[in-house]
Amino acid sequence: MRSRISSRVRSNGAEGVSATATAVSGAPGGRSLRVGRRIAVLAACTVLAVGCAKAGTAGTEAAGGSGGDASSPVKVGLLYSKTGPLAAYGKQYLEGFKAGLDYATKGTGKVDGHPIEFVEQDDAGDPAKAVSGAKDLIGKGYKILAGSTASGVALQVAPFAAQNKVLFISGPAAADKVTALNKYTFRSGRQSYQDTLTAASFVGDAKGKKVMVLAQDSAFGQANVAAVKAVLGKAGATVDAVLAPPSATDLTPFATQAKATQPDLLFVAWAGETASALWTSLNQQDVFSATRVVTGLDLAASYPLFGPAGEKISFLNHYFGGAAGTDIEKAMTEAVAKSGSKSDIFTPDGFTAAQMIVHAIEANHGSADDTAALVKALEGWSFDGVKGRLTVRAEDHALLQPMFQVKLSGTGAAAKPTVEKTLPAEQVAPPVIAMAG
């Protein structure tokens, strides 16, 4: 029978960046076959066994899981920003995923004899395009989806995947609402609360302090405001925010407004291609000499943007190339180097996603057909990752992981980060929240 796909999508809390997208479609869609045609297909597969095993029969178990053939592929759909404002992050995620898949399968690309095949869908950071891509993949029998560079995308795809009982592993999307959104949703990166707890480690006693958050008016920015209020506000600080439209290119008014409030701490949460304009505006308005600025250290290409002020900023960090010093990081770095790239802030998110997917499939003997079993395999799983020991918290699927305090030294092309302090996973663990749905 043709599978029915639920198309109801929750929109609460979901915001994204509008951009054009180029969809990369996966395997053909499936239809039920009459008995006569089924016999004919089986006969053809007997003669052309190798070709049928590789292609599968769209809409059957072979399309998205392991099927009945001992060597049929398990298919994974990657929904990420191949183009759009967060394309640089998407590229890192994809490179990390390929490296992680190679590492987790010991170079075979297989689990229990079943090749893991993935197809890319470019969502360009647009939630509507992402949901359309997810609908297409689910209709073709895919039982595992991963990706989501943008928070707005993750917040739309996750409910849709749950409605159709498909495993979804969100990537760099940092919005806290992704955690515990539903039992089918996991994440392979950090979340805003972990960023905020790392930022709070710079503050000391927050009581009576005035904290200003400068961010984009997006799911990512709003998540950071909420997290700062939850962490520093609860500790006694007064927290306010200046939010800029994601489409804004002249950011001077927002930098000026943030400075005018005379905060004790300015927490900057920014992502995407306008980062250069933001830091230029902050430099021009001499914000760095007026208050202490804490922000996340972004991808390596952004280091020169800070200029001389970079050495005055307190950086929280999810990851930079060389930050962790683990054997797995070395394996990832070497794998990415072979493709002519370097590990960067979100390369581990793709690597970790591949580890999680391989583990879930291994626990189910090379099959992705039983989504409930995939979920069970991941809940509570603790494993060695790029950054060190990682744990998928069973109660709400938060990914517990170390975070870093970082110093940036030098200017321009010579700017280089060093780890000042590694914060253990338990110190930056977000509070447990009840699972929705």
Protein backbone atom coordinates (compact mmCIF):
# COMPACT_ATOMS: atom_id res chain seq x y z
CA MET A 1 0.00 0.00 0.00
CA ARG A 2 1.12 3.56 -0.59
CA SER A 3 2.38 5.13 2.60
CA ARG A 4 0.47 8.15 3.88
CA ILE A 5 2.55 11.14 4.83
CA SER A 6 1.40 13.60 7.44
CA SER A 7 1.90 17.17 6.27
CA ARG A 8 0.87 19.10 9.38
CA VAL A 9 3.73 21.30 10.53
CA ARG A 10 3.86 23.28 13.77
CA SER A 11 5.00 26.84 13.29
CA ASN A 12 5.48 28.00 16.86
CA GLY A 13 8.94 29.39 17.46
CA ALA A 14 10.04 28.74 13.89
CA GLU A 15 11.82 31.49 11.99
CA GLY A 16 14.26 31.22 9.14
CA VAL A 17 16.18 33.07 6.47
CA SER A 18 14.58 33.38 3.05
CA ALA A 19 16.82 32.27 0.22
CA THR A 20 16.67 30.37 -3.02
CA ALA A 21 17.40 26.66 -3.01
CA THR A 22 18.47 23.98 -5.40
CA ALA A 23 16.89 20.68 -4.41
CA VAL A 24 18.88 17.51 -4.94
CA SER A 25 16.43 14.69 -5.16
CA GLY A 26 17.00 11.16 -3.92
CA ALA A 27 15.82 7.74 -5.08
CA PRO A 28 12.59 7.49 -7.11
CA GLY A 29 9.26 7.42 -5.26
CA GLY A 30 7.38 4.17 -4.74
CA ARG A 31 3.97 2.80 -5.66
CA SER A 32 2.25 -0.43 -4.76
CA LEU A 33 2.39 -3.12 -7.39
CA ARG A 34 -0.24 -5.54 -8.50
CA VAL A 35 0.48 -9.20 -8.02
CA GLY A 36 1.35 -9.75 -11.67
CA ARG A 37 3.82 -6.89 -11.79
CA ARG A 38 5.29 -8.00 -8.48
CA ILE A 39 6.05 -11.44 -9.95
CA ALA A 40 7.61 -9.78 -12.99
CA VAL A 41 9.80 -7.56 -10.87
CA LEU A 42 10.91 -10.52 -8.77
CA ALA A 43 11.79 -12.41 -11.90
CA ALA A 44 13.78 -9.49 -13.23
CA CYS A 45 15.62 -9.16 -9.93
CA THR A 46 16.54 -12.82 -10.08
CA VAL A 47 18.33 -12.19 -13.36
CA LEU A 48 19.70 -8.76 -12.41
CA ALA A 49 20.28 -9.32 -8.70
CA VAL A 50 23.15 -6.88 -8.35
CA GLY A 51 21.35 -3.98 -10.01
CA CYS A 52 18.16 -4.52 -8.02
CA ALA A 53 20.06 -4.72 -4.75
CA LYS A 54 21.74 -1.39 -5.42
CA ALA A 55 18.67 0.49 -6.53
CA GLY A 56 16.09 -1.10 -4.29
CA THR A 57 12.40 -0.90 -5.08
CA ALA A 58 11.20 2.58 -4.27
CA GLY A 59 8.64 2.68 -1.51
CA THR A 60 9.65 -0.71 -0.11
CA GLU A 61 11.89 -1.48 2.84
CA ALA A 62 14.95 -1.37 0.57
CA ALA A 63 14.38 2.32 -0.12
CA GLY A 64 14.84 3.57 3.41
CA GLY A 65 15.93 0.64 5.55
CA SER A 66 17.77 -2.61 5.03
CA GLY A 67 14.99 -4.52 3.32
CA GLY A 68 15.13 -8.27 2.95
CA ASP A 69 18.42 -8.37 1.02
CA ALA A 70 21.50 -8.94 3.17
CA SER A 71 23.42 -6.26 1.27
CA SER A 72 20.70 -3.71 0.46
CA PRO A 73 21.53 -0.11 1.41
CA VAL A 74 20.32 1.98 4.32
CA LYS A 75 19.46 5.43 2.98
CA VAL A 76 19.91 8.69 4.87
CA GLY A 77 18.61 12.10 3.82
CA LEU A 78 20.75 15.16 4.62
CA LEU A 79 18.77 18.41 4.78
CA TYR A 80 21.25 21.25 5.18
CA SER A 81 22.30 24.67 3.85
CA LYS A 82 24.24 23.86 0.71
CA THR A 83 23.45 27.40 -0.43
CA GLY A 84 22.13 30.50 1.34
CA PRO A 85 23.44 32.64 4.21
CA LEU A 86 24.71 29.63 6.20
CA ALA A 87 26.27 27.75 3.29
CA ALA A 88 29.76 27.89 4.84
CA TYR A 89 28.43 26.09 7.91
CA GLY A 90 26.62 23.58 5.73
CA LYS A 91 29.83 22.77 3.88
CA GLN A 92 31.61 22.06 7.16
CA TYR A 93 28.75 19.84 8.31
CA LEU A 94 28.81 17.80 5.10
CA GLU A 95 32.59 17.34 5.21
CA GLY A 96 32.36 16.24 8.83
CA PHE A 97 29.56 13.81 8.03
CA LYS A 98 31.60 12.13 5.31
CA ALA A 99 34.61 11.87 7.61
CA GLY A 100 32.46 10.54 10.46
CA LEU A 101 30.80 7.95 8.27
CA ASP A 102 34.19 6.68 7.14
CA TYR A 103 35.45 6.60 10.74
CA ALA A 104 32.39 4.95 12.28
CA THR A 105 32.25 2.23 9.61
CA LYS A 106 36.03 1.66 9.71
CA GLY A 107 36.38 2.76 6.11
CA THR A 108 33.80 0.33 4.73
CA GLY A 109 30.81 2.64 4.49
CA LYS A 110 28.75 -0.35 5.63
CA VAL A 111 26.97 -1.62 8.74
CA ASP A 112 26.52 -5.39 8.96
CA GLY A 113 27.09 -5.59 5.21
CA HIS A 114 24.55 -2.87 4.40
CA PRO A 115 26.00 0.20 2.63
CA ILE A 116 24.93 3.52 4.12
CA GLU A 117 23.97 5.79 1.27
CA PHE A 118 23.06 9.44 1.73
CA VAL A 119 21.41 11.98 -0.51
CA GLU A 120 21.68 15.75 -0.11
CA GLN A 121 18.73 18.15 -0.05
CA ASP A 122 19.59 21.86 -0.10
CA ASP A 123 17.20 23.76 2.18
CA ALA A 124 19.13 27.06 1.78
CA GLY A 125 18.12 27.91 5.36
CA ASP A 126 14.45 28.13 4.35
CA PRO A 127 12.08 26.12 6.60
CA ALA A 128 9.47 25.74 3.82
CA LYS A 129 12.04 24.28 1.44
CA ALA A 130 13.34 22.00 4.18
CA VAL A 131 9.88 20.63 4.95
CA SER A 132 9.26 20.11 1.24
CA GLY A 133 12.53 18.19 1.00
CA ALA A 134 11.68 16.12 4.08
CA LYS A 135 8.28 15.29 2.65
CA ASP A 136 9.91 14.15 -0.58
CA LEU A 137 12.43 11.93 1.20
CA ILE A 138 9.90 10.41 3.58
CA GLY A 139 7.63 9.67 0.63
CA LYS A 140 10.49 7.72 -0.92
CA GLY A 141 10.89 5.57 2.18
CA TYR A 142 13.68 7.33 4.04
CA LYS A 143 13.60 6.54 7.76
CA ILE A 144 16.57 8.71 8.82
CA LEU A 145 16.96 12.45 8.25
CA ALA A 146 19.85 14.63 9.43
CA GLY A 147 21.19 18.13 8.94
CA SER A 148 19.53 21.46 9.76
CA THR A 149 22.14 24.18 9.67
CA ALA A 150 19.54 26.81 10.65
CA SER A 151 17.45 26.76 13.84
CA GLY A 152 14.30 27.80 11.99
CA VAL A 153 14.67 24.77 9.74
CA ALA A 154 15.16 22.35 12.64
CA LEU A 155 12.08 23.65 14.43
CA GLN A 156 9.95 22.92 11.35
CA VAL A 157 11.45 19.63 10.22
CA ALA A 158 11.46 18.02 13.68
CA PRO A 159 7.67 18.05 14.19
CA PHE A 160 7.14 16.84 10.62
CA ALA A 161 9.57 13.95 11.08
CA ALA A 162 7.86 12.98 14.34
CA GLN A 163 4.43 12.98 12.74
CA ASN A 164 5.75 10.47 10.23
CA LYS A 165 7.79 8.49 12.81
CA VAL A 166 11.15 9.20 11.19
CA LEU A 167 14.43 9.61 13.07
CA PHE A 168 15.72 13.18 12.80
CA ILE A 169 19.19 14.25 13.97
CA SER A 170 19.51 18.03 13.87
CA GLY A 171 22.94 19.53 13.17
CA PRO A 172 24.45 22.98 13.85
CA ALA A 173 21.00 24.48 14.63
CA ALA A 174 21.43 25.77 18.19
CA ALA A 175 17.89 26.68 19.29
CA ASP A 176 17.15 25.18 22.71
CA LYS A 177 13.60 24.30 21.61
CA VAL A 178 15.01 21.50 19.45
CA THR A 179 15.92 19.62 22.63
CA ALA A 180 12.96 17.58 23.93
CA LEU A 181 10.83 18.72 20.98
CA ASN A 182 9.72 15.11 20.45
CA LYS A 183 11.03 11.60 20.98
CA TYR A 184 12.16 11.21 17.36
CA THR A 185 14.43 14.28 17.40
CA PHE A 186 18.07 14.34 18.48
CA ARG A 187 20.92 16.77 17.90
CA SER A 188 24.58 16.33 16.91
CA GLY A 189 25.72 19.84 17.91
CA ARG A 190 25.57 22.11 20.91
CA GLN A 191 22.62 24.28 21.90
CA SER A 192 22.28 27.92 22.95
CA TYR A 193 22.02 27.08 26.65
CA GLN A 194 25.48 25.50 26.51
CA ASP A 195 26.83 28.64 24.84
CA THR A 196 25.26 30.77 27.56
CA LEU A 197 26.62 28.69 30.41
CA THR A 198 30.05 29.02 28.85
CA ALA A 199 29.57 32.80 28.61
CA ALA A 200 28.41 32.87 32.23
CA SER A 201 31.70 31.29 33.27
CA PHE A 202 33.39 34.62 32.38
CA VAL A 203 31.07 36.73 34.52
CA GLY A 204 31.55 35.44 38.04
CA ASP A 205 28.87 36.80 40.36
CA ALA A 206 26.04 38.02 38.09
CA LYS A 207 23.97 39.59 40.85
CA GLY A 208 23.19 43.25 40.09
CA LYS A 209 24.95 43.13 36.71
CA LYS A 210 23.38 44.63 33.60
CA VAL A 211 23.61 42.32 30.60
CA MET A 212 22.69 43.23 27.03
CA VAL A 213 22.22 40.66 24.27
CA LEU A 214 22.88 41.82 20.70
CA ALA A 215 21.48 39.29 18.25
CA GLN A 216 19.46 38.73 15.10
CA ASP A 217 15.69 38.56 15.38
CA SER A 218 15.64 34.90 14.35
CA ALA A 219 15.08 31.55 16.01
CA PHE A 220 18.81 31.43 16.80
CA GLY A 221 18.89 34.96 18.21
CA GLN A 222 15.73 34.57 20.26
CA ALA A 223 17.02 31.28 21.66
CA ASN A 224 20.15 33.06 22.86
CA VAL A 225 18.14 35.83 24.52
CA ALA A 226 15.99 33.25 26.28
CA ALA A 227 19.05 31.30 27.39
CA VAL A 228 20.85 34.38 28.76
CA LYS A 229 17.72 35.36 30.70
CA ALA A 230 17.39 31.82 32.03
CA VAL A 231 21.03 31.61 33.15
CA LEU A 232 22.22 35.10 34.07
CA GLY A 233 18.78 36.49 34.82
CA LYS A 234 18.18 33.69 37.28
CA ALA A 235 21.54 34.51 38.87
CA GLY A 236 20.44 38.09 39.57
CA ALA A 237 21.44 39.99 36.44
CA THR A 238 19.13 42.34 34.52
CA VAL A 239 18.96 41.10 30.93
CA ASP A 240 17.77 43.13 27.92
CA ALA A 241 18.19 42.63 24.18
CA VAL A 242 18.77 44.52 20.97
CA LEU A 243 17.51 42.45 18.04
CA ALA A 244 18.30 43.22 14.41
CA PRO A 245 16.29 41.89 11.43
CA PRO A 246 18.20 39.02 9.75
CA SER A 247 17.99 40.97 6.49
CA ALA A 248 19.60 44.13 7.92
CA THR A 249 22.89 45.15 6.32
CA ASP A 250 23.44 48.50 8.05
CA LEU A 251 24.07 47.43 11.63
CA THR A 252 25.42 50.69 13.01
CA PRO A 253 22.09 51.67 14.65
CA PHE A 254 22.00 48.40 16.56
CA ALA A 255 25.62 48.69 17.71
CA THR A 256 24.93 52.25 18.86
CA GLN A 257 21.80 51.19 20.73
CA ALA A 258 23.63 48.38 22.51
CA LYS A 259 26.43 50.71 23.62
CA ALA A 260 23.99 53.40 24.81
CA THR A 261 22.53 51.05 27.44
CA GLN A 262 25.95 50.96 29.17
CA PRO A 263 25.84 47.25 30.06
CA ASP A 264 28.34 45.51 32.31
CA LEU A 265 28.44 42.75 29.75
CA LEU A 266 27.50 42.70 26.06
CA PHE A 267 26.73 39.20 24.84
CA VAL A 268 26.80 39.02 21.03
CA ALA A 269 25.02 36.11 19.31
CA TRP A 270 25.38 36.31 15.54
CA ALA A 271 25.50 33.93 12.60
CA GLY A 272 25.79 34.24 8.84
CA GLU A 273 27.24 36.49 6.20
CA THR A 274 26.50 39.81 7.94
CA ALA A 275 28.99 39.08 10.74
CA SER A 276 31.63 41.24 9.04
CA ALA A 277 29.30 44.24 8.96
CA LEU A 278 28.40 43.72 12.62
CA TRP A 279 31.97 43.66 13.92
CA THR A 280 32.87 46.63 11.72
CA SER A 281 30.01 48.59 13.28
CA LEU A 282 31.00 47.60 16.81
CA ASN A 283 34.59 48.66 16.12
CA GLN A 284 33.51 51.98 14.64
CA GLN A 285 31.30 52.71 17.64
CA ASP A 286 34.17 51.85 20.03
CA VAL A 287 31.97 49.38 21.88
CA PHE A 288 34.93 47.24 22.97
CA SER A 289 36.38 49.98 25.14
CA ALA A 290 32.99 50.75 26.72
CA THR A 291 32.06 47.29 28.02
CA ARG A 292 33.19 43.71 28.27
CA VAL A 293 32.15 41.79 25.17
CA VAL A 294 31.53 38.06 25.21
CA THR A 295 30.74 36.23 22.02
CA GLY A 296 31.10 32.89 20.38
CA LEU A 297 34.17 32.30 18.24
CA ASP A 298 32.82 31.62 14.78
CA LEU A 299 34.37 29.89 11.78
CA ALA A 300 38.04 30.48 10.97
CA ALA A 301 37.27 32.87 8.10
CA SER A 302 35.81 35.30 10.65
CA TYR A 303 38.95 35.65 12.79
CA PRO A 304 40.43 38.58 10.84
CA LEU A 305 37.16 40.52 11.19
CA PHE A 306 37.83 41.32 14.85
CA GLY A 307 41.03 43.22 14.14
CA PRO A 308 43.02 44.50 17.16
CA ALA A 309 39.87 44.26 19.32
CA GLY A 310 39.95 40.48 19.00
CA GLU A 311 42.46 40.20 21.82
CA LYS A 312 40.08 42.09 24.13
CA ILE A 313 37.06 39.84 23.55
CA SER A 314 36.16 36.93 25.82
CA PHE A 315 35.32 34.08 23.47
CA LEU A 316 33.13 31.11 24.24
CA ASN A 317 33.63 28.32 21.77
CA HIS A 318 31.90 25.20 20.55
CA TYR A 319 34.91 24.08 18.52
CA PHE A 320 37.82 25.21 16.37
CA GLY A 321 40.34 23.11 14.52
CA GLY A 322 42.76 21.68 17.09
CA ALA A 323 40.72 22.66 20.16
CA ALA A 324 40.07 19.19 21.52
CA GLY A 325 43.36 17.33 21.11
CA THR A 326 41.66 13.92 20.88
CA ASP A 327 42.57 10.98 18.67
CA ILE A 328 39.16 11.19 17.02
CA GLU A 329 39.72 14.86 16.25
CA LYS A 330 42.99 13.90 14.59
CA ALA A 331 41.19 11.28 12.47
CA MET A 332 38.57 13.84 11.43
CA THR A 333 41.21 16.46 10.62
CA GLU A 334 43.16 14.04 8.45
CA ALA A 335 40.05 12.89 6.61
CA VAL A 336 38.89 16.43 5.90
CA ALA A 337 42.40 17.42 4.78
CA LYS A 338 42.31 14.72 2.11
CA SER A 339 39.40 16.55 0.50
CA GLY A 340 41.38 19.80 0.54
CA SER A 341 39.62 21.41 3.53
CA LYS A 342 40.29 22.15 7.20
CA SER A 343 38.24 21.28 10.25
CA ASP A 344 36.18 24.22 11.47
CA ILE A 345 33.46 25.11 13.96
CA PHE A 346 30.72 22.79 12.66
CA THR A 347 32.78 19.97 11.18
CA PRO A 348 32.29 17.93 14.40
CA ASP A 349 28.49 18.29 14.10
CA GLY A 350 28.50 16.32 10.87
CA PHE A 351 31.03 13.82 12.23
CA THR A 352 28.93 13.24 15.35
CA ALA A 353 25.75 12.84 13.29
CA ALA A 354 27.41 10.05 11.32
CA GLN A 355 28.55 8.36 14.52
CA MET A 356 25.02 8.48 15.91
CA ILE A 357 23.45 7.15 12.73
CA VAL A 358 25.93 4.28 12.44
CA HIS A 359 25.44 3.35 16.09
CA ALA A 360 21.65 3.31 15.76
CA ILE A 361 21.82 1.12 12.66
CA GLU A 362 24.41 -1.19 14.23
CA ALA A 363 22.18 -1.68 17.26
CA ASN A 364 19.45 -2.81 14.87
CA HIS A 365 21.61 -5.21 12.86
CA GLY A 366 21.97 -3.06 9.76
CA SER A 367 18.33 -2.00 9.57
CA ALA A 368 16.62 1.39 9.75
CA ASP A 369 13.10 0.02 9.39
CA ASP A 370 12.17 0.17 13.09
CA THR A 371 12.35 3.84 14.08
CA ALA A 372 11.43 3.12 17.69
CA ALA A 373 14.45 0.82 17.92
CA LEU A 374 16.71 3.51 16.42
CA VAL A 375 15.50 5.97 19.05
CA LYS A 376 16.06 3.47 21.85
CA ALA A 377 19.61 2.82 20.66
CA LEU A 378 20.52 6.51 20.93
CA GLU A 379 18.86 7.39 24.21
CA GLY A 380 21.45 7.43 26.98
CA TRP A 381 24.31 6.54 24.63
CA SER A 382 27.70 7.81 25.81
CA PHE A 383 30.59 7.73 23.37
CA ASP A 384 33.95 9.23 22.44
CA GLY A 385 33.58 12.05 19.93
CA VAL A 386 35.73 14.73 18.37
CA LYS A 387 35.46 17.00 21.44
CA GLY A 388 35.82 14.23 23.99
CA ARG A 389 33.17 12.23 25.83
CA LEU A 390 29.64 12.93 24.59
CA THR A 391 26.36 11.72 26.03
CA VAL A 392 22.87 11.70 24.52
CA ARG A 393 20.76 12.44 27.58
CA ALA A 394 17.92 9.95 27.62
CA GLU A 395 15.34 12.23 29.22
CA ASP A 396 15.34 15.00 26.60
CA HIS A 397 17.96 14.09 23.96
CA ALA A 398 20.28 16.99 24.83
CA LEU A 399 23.83 16.27 23.67
CA LEU A 400 26.10 16.77 26.67
CA GLN A 401 29.61 17.85 25.64
CA PRO A 402 32.62 19.92 26.69
CA MET A 403 32.82 23.61 25.75
CA PHE A 404 35.78 25.99 25.56
CA GLN A 405 36.92 29.40 26.77
CA VAL A 406 39.15 30.74 24.02
CA LYS A 407 41.59 33.59 23.45
CA LEU A 408 42.30 35.03 20.01
CA SER A 409 45.83 36.29 19.47
CA GLY A 410 47.20 38.23 16.53
CA THR A 411 45.36 40.15 13.85
CA GLY A 412 44.35 39.65 10.24
CA ALA A 413 45.50 36.42 8.65
CA ALA A 414 47.75 35.78 11.67
CA ALA A 415 44.84 35.63 14.13
CA LYS A 416 44.84 32.26 15.89
CA PRO A 417 42.75 30.82 18.73
CA THR A 418 44.01 28.97 21.76
CA VAL A 419 42.03 27.20 24.46
CA GLU A 420 42.22 29.00 27.80
CA LYS A 421 39.98 26.52 29.61
CA THR A 422 37.96 23.43 28.77
CA LEU A 423 34.64 23.31 30.59
CA PRO A 424 33.49 19.74 31.32
CA ALA A 425 30.17 18.57 29.93
CA GLU A 426 28.47 18.56 33.33
CA GLN A 427 29.35 22.23 33.98
CA VAL A 428 27.61 23.39 30.81
CA ALA A 429 24.76 20.87 30.76
CA PRO A 430 21.37 22.47 30.08
CA PRO A 431 18.60 21.72 32.58
CA VAL A 432 16.51 18.62 31.90
CA ILE A 433 13.12 19.44 30.40
CA ALA A 434 10.11 17.25 29.80
CA MET A 435 9.85 15.60 26.42
CA ALA A 436 7.07 17.04 24.25
CA GLY A 437 4.86 14.99 22.00
